[in-house]
Amino acid sequence: RAVDRISIDAPVSGVLEEFAAAPGDEVAEGQVIGRIANDAIREDEVEARLELERAEARARVLESELTALRLEESRLSADASRARGELARVEQVYQRQSVLIREGATPRLVFQRAEEAYQQALQERDRIEELLAAARSRVAEALGSLESARKAVSEKQADLDAARERAASCNIVAPAS
């Protein structure tokens, strides 16, 4: 049998949806004894959850894109390394042929082939270096986008936490006795 009767104010406006304690029931401090239906609060929580899911999906897409861009950057870095090595090798041949042509110790055609190979290797190295620089720029841009997306996820999580707190305020709890 109840010893004290205590008035409880509704924490939010709405319709009493559920009341788990009957008059005279014994309840513990902090026990949920009822719930108020508030459609606006419920809709806010659902919308906050959807917004978080969208933000998380966007971050996952950006993470995948970043992985692909890093793979491309890595491939181009290896290509650039090979192109620099080939240029160094061809440049040595070209320099040796330059000395030999000045001394008249090599045919003109051999020198011209060495010169052409050197020019081609130089152009190839420059082309790959440009591609690598562009790839690095895309990676940096993707990192920035991903960081923004992760920040948005954190913000959306905070919004959902706040919406859940507001939804919890629809619970009617037994006060301190």
C-alpha atoms as a PDB file:
ATOM      1  CA  ARG A   1       0.000   0.000   0.000  1.00  0.00           C
ATOM      2  CA  ALA A   2       1.358   3.414  -0.980  1.00  0.00           C
ATOM      3  CA  VAL A   3       2.599   5.582   1.826  1.00  0.00           C
ATOM      4  CA  ASP A   4       2.987   8.913  -0.003  1.00  0.00           C
ATOM      5  CA  ARG A   5       1.214  10.419  -2.940  1.00  0.00           C
ATOM      6  CA  ILE A   6       3.348  12.678  -5.106  1.00  0.00           C
ATOM      7  CA  SER A   7       2.217  14.839  -8.006  1.00  0.00           C
ATOM      8  CA  ILE A   8       4.304  14.442 -11.152  1.00  0.00           C
ATOM      9  CA  ASP A   9       4.370  17.125 -13.807  1.00  0.00           C
ATOM     10  CA  ALA A  10       4.523  16.061 -17.437  1.00  0.00           C
ATOM     11  CA  PRO A  11       8.086  16.591 -18.738  1.00  0.00           C
ATOM     12  CA  VAL A  12       6.857  17.457 -22.264  1.00  0.00           C
ATOM     13  CA  SER A  13       3.573  18.244 -23.918  1.00  0.00           C
ATOM     14  CA  GLY A  14       1.719  15.469 -25.679  1.00  0.00           C
ATOM     15  CA  VAL A  15      -0.707  12.647 -25.086  1.00  0.00           C
ATOM     16  CA  LEU A  16      -0.229  10.118 -22.321  1.00  0.00           C
ATOM     17  CA  GLU A  17       0.615   7.026 -24.311  1.00  0.00           C
ATOM     18  CA  GLU A  18       1.361   4.588 -21.559  1.00  0.00           C
ATOM     19  CA  PHE A  19       1.121   4.566 -17.811  1.00  0.00           C
ATOM     20  CA  ALA A  20       2.720   1.553 -16.145  1.00  0.00           C
ATOM     21  CA  ALA A  21       1.759   2.280 -12.542  1.00  0.00           C
ATOM     22  CA  ALA A  22      -1.710   2.380 -11.072  1.00  0.00           C
ATOM     23  CA  PRO A  23      -2.615   4.661  -8.182  1.00  0.00           C
ATOM     24  CA  GLY A  24      -1.327   3.102  -4.998  1.00  0.00           C
ATOM     25  CA  ASP A  25       1.387   0.990  -6.684  1.00  0.00           C
ATOM     26  CA  GLU A  26       4.807   1.022  -5.092  1.00  0.00           C
ATOM     27  CA  VAL A  27       7.460   2.448  -7.444  1.00  0.00           C
ATOM     28  CA  ALA A  28      11.209   2.918  -7.135  1.00  0.00           C
ATOM     29  CA  GLU A  29      12.953   6.218  -7.571  1.00  0.00           C
ATOM     30  CA  GLY A  30      13.868   6.723 -11.254  1.00  0.00           C
ATOM     31  CA  GLN A  31      11.529   3.940 -12.467  1.00  0.00           C
ATOM     32  CA  VAL A  32       9.786   4.704 -15.768  1.00  0.00           C
ATOM     33  CA  ILE A  33       6.112   4.760 -14.908  1.00  0.00           C
ATOM     34  CA  GLY A  34       4.693   6.273 -18.072  1.00  0.00           C
ATOM     35  CA  ARG A  35       5.350   7.671 -21.504  1.00  0.00           C
ATOM     36  CA  ILE A  36       4.041  10.720 -23.305  1.00  0.00           C
ATOM     37  CA  ALA A  37       3.579  10.553 -27.063  1.00  0.00           C
ATOM     38  CA  ASN A  38       5.020  13.577 -28.818  1.00  0.00           C
ATOM     39  CA  ASP A  39       5.126  13.146 -32.591  1.00  0.00           C
ATOM     40  CA  ALA A  40       7.476  16.079 -33.182  1.00  0.00           C
ATOM     41  CA  ILE A  41      10.089  14.664 -30.801  1.00  0.00           C
ATOM     42  CA  ARG A  42       9.710  11.187 -32.303  1.00  0.00           C
ATOM     43  CA  GLU A  43      10.055  12.578 -35.860  1.00  0.00           C
ATOM     44  CA  ASP A  44      13.140  14.563 -34.840  1.00  0.00           C
ATOM     45  CA  GLU A  45      14.788  11.374 -33.594  1.00  0.00           C
ATOM     46  CA  VAL A  46      13.935   9.465 -36.790  1.00  0.00           C
ATOM     47  CA  GLU A  47      15.211  12.333 -38.948  1.00  0.00           C
ATOM     48  CA  ALA A  48      18.409  12.598 -36.903  1.00  0.00           C
ATOM     49  CA  ARG A  49      19.002   8.851 -37.316  1.00  0.00           C
ATOM     50  CA  LEU A  50      18.482   9.118 -41.095  1.00  0.00           C
ATOM     51  CA  GLU A  51      20.815  12.104 -41.324  1.00  0.00           C
ATOM     52  CA  LEU A  52      23.494  10.155 -39.430  1.00  0.00           C
ATOM     53  CA  GLU A  53      23.080   7.159 -41.732  1.00  0.00           C
ATOM     54  CA  ARG A  54      23.436   9.395 -44.802  1.00  0.00           C
ATOM     55  CA  ALA A  55      26.546  11.052 -43.372  1.00  0.00           C
ATOM     56  CA  GLU A  56      28.075   7.649 -42.557  1.00  0.00           C
ATOM     57  CA  ALA A  57      27.304   6.377 -46.061  1.00  0.00           C
ATOM     58  CA  ARG A  58      28.941   9.470 -47.578  1.00  0.00           C
ATOM     59  CA  ALA A  59      32.046   8.931 -45.425  1.00  0.00           C
ATOM     60  CA  ARG A  60      32.249   5.267 -46.521  1.00  0.00           C
ATOM     61  CA  VAL A  61      32.038   6.295 -50.189  1.00  0.00           C
ATOM     62  CA  LEU A  62      34.784   8.870 -49.683  1.00  0.00           C
ATOM     63  CA  GLU A  63      36.964   6.303 -47.880  1.00  0.00           C
ATOM     64  CA  SER A  64      36.590   3.946 -50.854  1.00  0.00           C
ATOM     65  CA  GLU A  65      37.415   6.732 -53.297  1.00  0.00           C
ATOM     66  CA  LEU A  66      40.464   7.683 -51.232  1.00  0.00           C
ATOM     67  CA  THR A  67      41.683   4.085 -51.254  1.00  0.00           C
ATOM     68  CA  ALA A  68      41.372   3.955 -55.054  1.00  0.00           C
ATOM     69  CA  LEU A  69      43.176   7.298 -55.400  1.00  0.00           C
ATOM     70  CA  ARG A  70      45.994   6.134 -53.122  1.00  0.00           C
ATOM     71  CA  LEU A  71      46.400   2.979 -55.209  1.00  0.00           C
ATOM     72  CA  GLU A  72      46.611   5.093 -58.360  1.00  0.00           C
ATOM     73  CA  GLU A  73      49.138   7.396 -56.682  1.00  0.00           C
ATOM     74  CA  SER A  74      51.209   4.388 -55.637  1.00  0.00           C
ATOM     75  CA  ARG A  75      51.155   2.959 -59.167  1.00  0.00           C
ATOM     76  CA  LEU A  76      52.179   6.296 -60.645  1.00  0.00           C
ATOM     77  CA  SER A  77      54.918   6.681 -58.045  1.00  0.00           C
ATOM     78  CA  ALA A  78      56.348   3.317 -59.119  1.00  0.00           C
ATOM     79  CA  ASP A  79      56.025   4.320 -62.787  1.00  0.00           C
ATOM     80  CA  ALA A  80      57.812   7.602 -62.061  1.00  0.00           C
ATOM     81  CA  SER A  81      60.613   5.770 -60.299  1.00  0.00           C
ATOM     82  CA  ARG A  82      61.041   3.460 -63.298  1.00  0.00           C
ATOM     83  CA  ALA A  83      60.935   6.435 -65.690  1.00  0.00           C
ATOM     84  CA  ARG A  84      63.623   8.264 -63.671  1.00  0.00           C
ATOM     85  CA  GLY A  85      65.791   5.149 -63.681  1.00  0.00           C
ATOM     86  CA  GLU A  86      65.353   4.695 -67.430  1.00  0.00           C
ATOM     87  CA  LEU A  87      66.112   8.374 -68.015  1.00  0.00           C
ATOM     88  CA  ALA A  88      69.322   8.090 -65.985  1.00  0.00           C
ATOM     89  CA  ARG A  89      70.384   5.020 -67.973  1.00  0.00           C
ATOM     90  CA  VAL A  90      69.578   6.599 -71.361  1.00  0.00           C
ATOM     91  CA  GLU A  91      71.202   9.888 -70.324  1.00  0.00           C
ATOM     92  CA  GLN A  92      74.492   8.111 -69.625  1.00  0.00           C
ATOM     93  CA  VAL A  93      74.391   6.528 -73.076  1.00  0.00           C
ATOM     94  CA  TYR A  94      73.563   9.889 -74.655  1.00  0.00           C
ATOM     95  CA  GLN A  95      76.382  11.690 -72.815  1.00  0.00           C
ATOM     96  CA  ARG A  96      78.869   8.985 -73.799  1.00  0.00           C
ATOM     97  CA  GLN A  97      77.718   9.214 -77.438  1.00  0.00           C
ATOM     98  CA  SER A  98      77.978  13.035 -77.266  1.00  0.00           C
ATOM     99  CA  VAL A  99      81.631  12.758 -76.255  1.00  0.00           C
ATOM    100  CA  LEU A 100      82.277  10.124 -78.916  1.00  0.00           C
ATOM    101  CA  ILE A 101      80.605  12.131 -81.713  1.00  0.00           C
ATOM    102  CA  ARG A 102      82.744  15.193 -80.848  1.00  0.00           C
ATOM    103  CA  GLU A 103      85.824  13.031 -81.111  1.00  0.00           C
ATOM    104  CA  GLY A 104      84.590  11.430 -84.318  1.00  0.00           C
ATOM    105  CA  ALA A 105      84.632   7.979 -82.698  1.00  0.00           C
ATOM    106  CA  THR A 106      80.987   7.010 -83.293  1.00  0.00           C
ATOM    107  CA  PRO A 107      78.704   7.055 -86.330  1.00  0.00           C
ATOM    108  CA  ARG A 108      76.262   9.946 -86.556  1.00  0.00           C
ATOM    109  CA  LEU A 109      73.279   7.527 -86.704  1.00  0.00           C
ATOM    110  CA  VAL A 110      74.239   5.916 -83.356  1.00  0.00           C
ATOM    111  CA  PHE A 111      74.460   9.371 -81.761  1.00  0.00           C
ATOM    112  CA  GLN A 112      71.080  10.414 -83.213  1.00  0.00           C
ATOM    113  CA  ARG A 113      69.419   7.266 -81.862  1.00  0.00           C
ATOM    114  CA  ALA A 114      70.895   7.928 -78.417  1.00  0.00           C
ATOM    115  CA  GLU A 115      69.693  11.525 -78.579  1.00  0.00           C
ATOM    116  CA  GLU A 116      66.167  10.435 -79.612  1.00  0.00           C
ATOM    117  CA  ALA A 117      66.042   7.837 -76.838  1.00  0.00           C
ATOM    118  CA  TYR A 118      67.145  10.476 -74.339  1.00  0.00           C
ATOM    119  CA  GLN A 119      64.478  12.974 -75.501  1.00  0.00           C
ATOM    120  CA  GLN A 120      61.767  10.289 -75.376  1.00  0.00           C
ATOM    121  CA  ALA A 121      62.821   9.172 -71.890  1.00  0.00           C
ATOM    122  CA  LEU A 122      62.847  12.805 -70.740  1.00  0.00           C
ATOM    123  CA  GLN A 123      59.337  13.389 -72.136  1.00  0.00           C
ATOM    124  CA  GLU A 124      58.063  10.145 -70.587  1.00  0.00           C
ATOM    125  CA  ARG A 125      59.506  11.045 -67.183  1.00  0.00           C
ATOM    126  CA  ASP A 126      57.947  14.516 -67.355  1.00  0.00           C
ATOM    127  CA  ARG A 127      54.567  13.076 -68.424  1.00  0.00           C
ATOM    128  CA  ILE A 128      54.514  10.591 -65.552  1.00  0.00           C
ATOM    129  CA  GLU A 129      55.688  13.201 -63.042  1.00  0.00           C
ATOM    130  CA  GLU A 130      52.772  15.432 -64.099  1.00  0.00           C
ATOM    131  CA  LEU A 131      50.332  12.544 -63.678  1.00  0.00           C
ATOM    132  CA  LEU A 132      51.835  11.779 -60.268  1.00  0.00           C
ATOM    133  CA  ALA A 133      51.517  15.402 -59.154  1.00  0.00           C
ATOM    134  CA  ALA A 134      47.866  15.428 -60.257  1.00  0.00           C
ATOM    135  CA  ALA A 135      47.233  12.155 -58.397  1.00  0.00           C
ATOM    136  CA  ARG A 136      48.796  13.559 -55.241  1.00  0.00           C
ATOM    137  CA  SER A 137      46.590  16.617 -55.549  1.00  0.00           C
ATOM    138  CA  ARG A 138      43.491  14.410 -55.894  1.00  0.00           C
ATOM    139  CA  VAL A 139      44.539  12.407 -52.817  1.00  0.00           C
ATOM    140  CA  ALA A 140      44.976  15.608 -50.792  1.00  0.00           C
ATOM    141  CA  GLU A 141      41.570  16.858 -51.961  1.00  0.00           C
ATOM    142  CA  ALA A 142      39.960  13.503 -51.101  1.00  0.00           C
ATOM    143  CA  LEU A 143      41.561  13.604 -47.646  1.00  0.00           C
ATOM    144  CA  GLY A 144      40.021  17.026 -47.081  1.00  0.00           C
ATOM    145  CA  SER A 145      36.620  15.808 -48.225  1.00  0.00           C
ATOM    146  CA  LEU A 146      36.873  12.744 -46.009  1.00  0.00           C
ATOM    147  CA  GLU A 147      37.841  14.867 -43.012  1.00  0.00           C
ATOM    148  CA  SER A 148      34.792  17.071 -43.637  1.00  0.00           C
ATOM    149  CA  ALA A 149      32.595  13.987 -43.961  1.00  0.00           C
ATOM    150  CA  ARG A 150      33.934  12.562 -40.705  1.00  0.00           C
ATOM    151  CA  LYS A 151      33.236  15.886 -38.997  1.00  0.00           C
ATOM    152  CA  ALA A 152      29.691  15.770 -40.384  1.00  0.00           C
ATOM    153  CA  VAL A 153      29.281  12.236 -38.985  1.00  0.00           C
ATOM    154  CA  SER A 154      30.360  13.488 -35.555  1.00  0.00           C
ATOM    155  CA  GLU A 155      27.925  16.390 -35.765  1.00  0.00           C
ATOM    156  CA  LYS A 156      25.093  14.111 -36.898  1.00  0.00           C
ATOM    157  CA  GLN A 157      25.894  11.701 -34.048  1.00  0.00           C
ATOM    158  CA  ALA A 158      25.667  14.593 -31.595  1.00  0.00           C
ATOM    159  CA  ASP A 159      22.343  15.616 -33.157  1.00  0.00           C
ATOM    160  CA  LEU A 160      21.043  12.052 -32.769  1.00  0.00           C
ATOM    161  CA  ASP A 161      22.231  11.897 -29.159  1.00  0.00           C
ATOM    162  CA  ALA A 162      20.390  15.138 -28.445  1.00  0.00           C
ATOM    163  CA  ALA A 163      17.259  13.839 -30.198  1.00  0.00           C
ATOM    164  CA  ARG A 164      17.437  10.643 -28.137  1.00  0.00           C
ATOM    165  CA  GLU A 165      17.705  12.741 -24.982  1.00  0.00           C
ATOM    166  CA  ARG A 166      14.613  14.681 -26.005  1.00  0.00           C
ATOM    167  CA  ALA A 167      12.837  11.374 -26.730  1.00  0.00           C
ATOM    168  CA  ALA A 168      13.857  10.096 -23.298  1.00  0.00           C
ATOM    169  CA  SER A 169      12.278  13.213 -21.806  1.00  0.00           C
ATOM    170  CA  CYS A 170       8.934  11.749 -22.898  1.00  0.00           C
ATOM    171  CA  ASN A 171       9.364   9.151 -20.162  1.00  0.00           C
ATOM    172  CA  ILE A 172       7.649   9.877 -16.891  1.00  0.00           C
ATOM    173  CA  VAL A 173       9.887   8.677 -14.061  1.00  0.00           C
ATOM    174  CA  ALA A 174       9.156   8.237 -10.402  1.00  0.00           C
ATOM    175  CA  PRO A 175      10.657  11.138  -8.462  1.00  0.00           C
ATOM    176  CA  ALA A 176      12.849  10.849  -5.414  1.00  0.00           C
ATOM    177  CA  SER A 177      10.905   9.739  -2.393  1.00  0.00           C
END
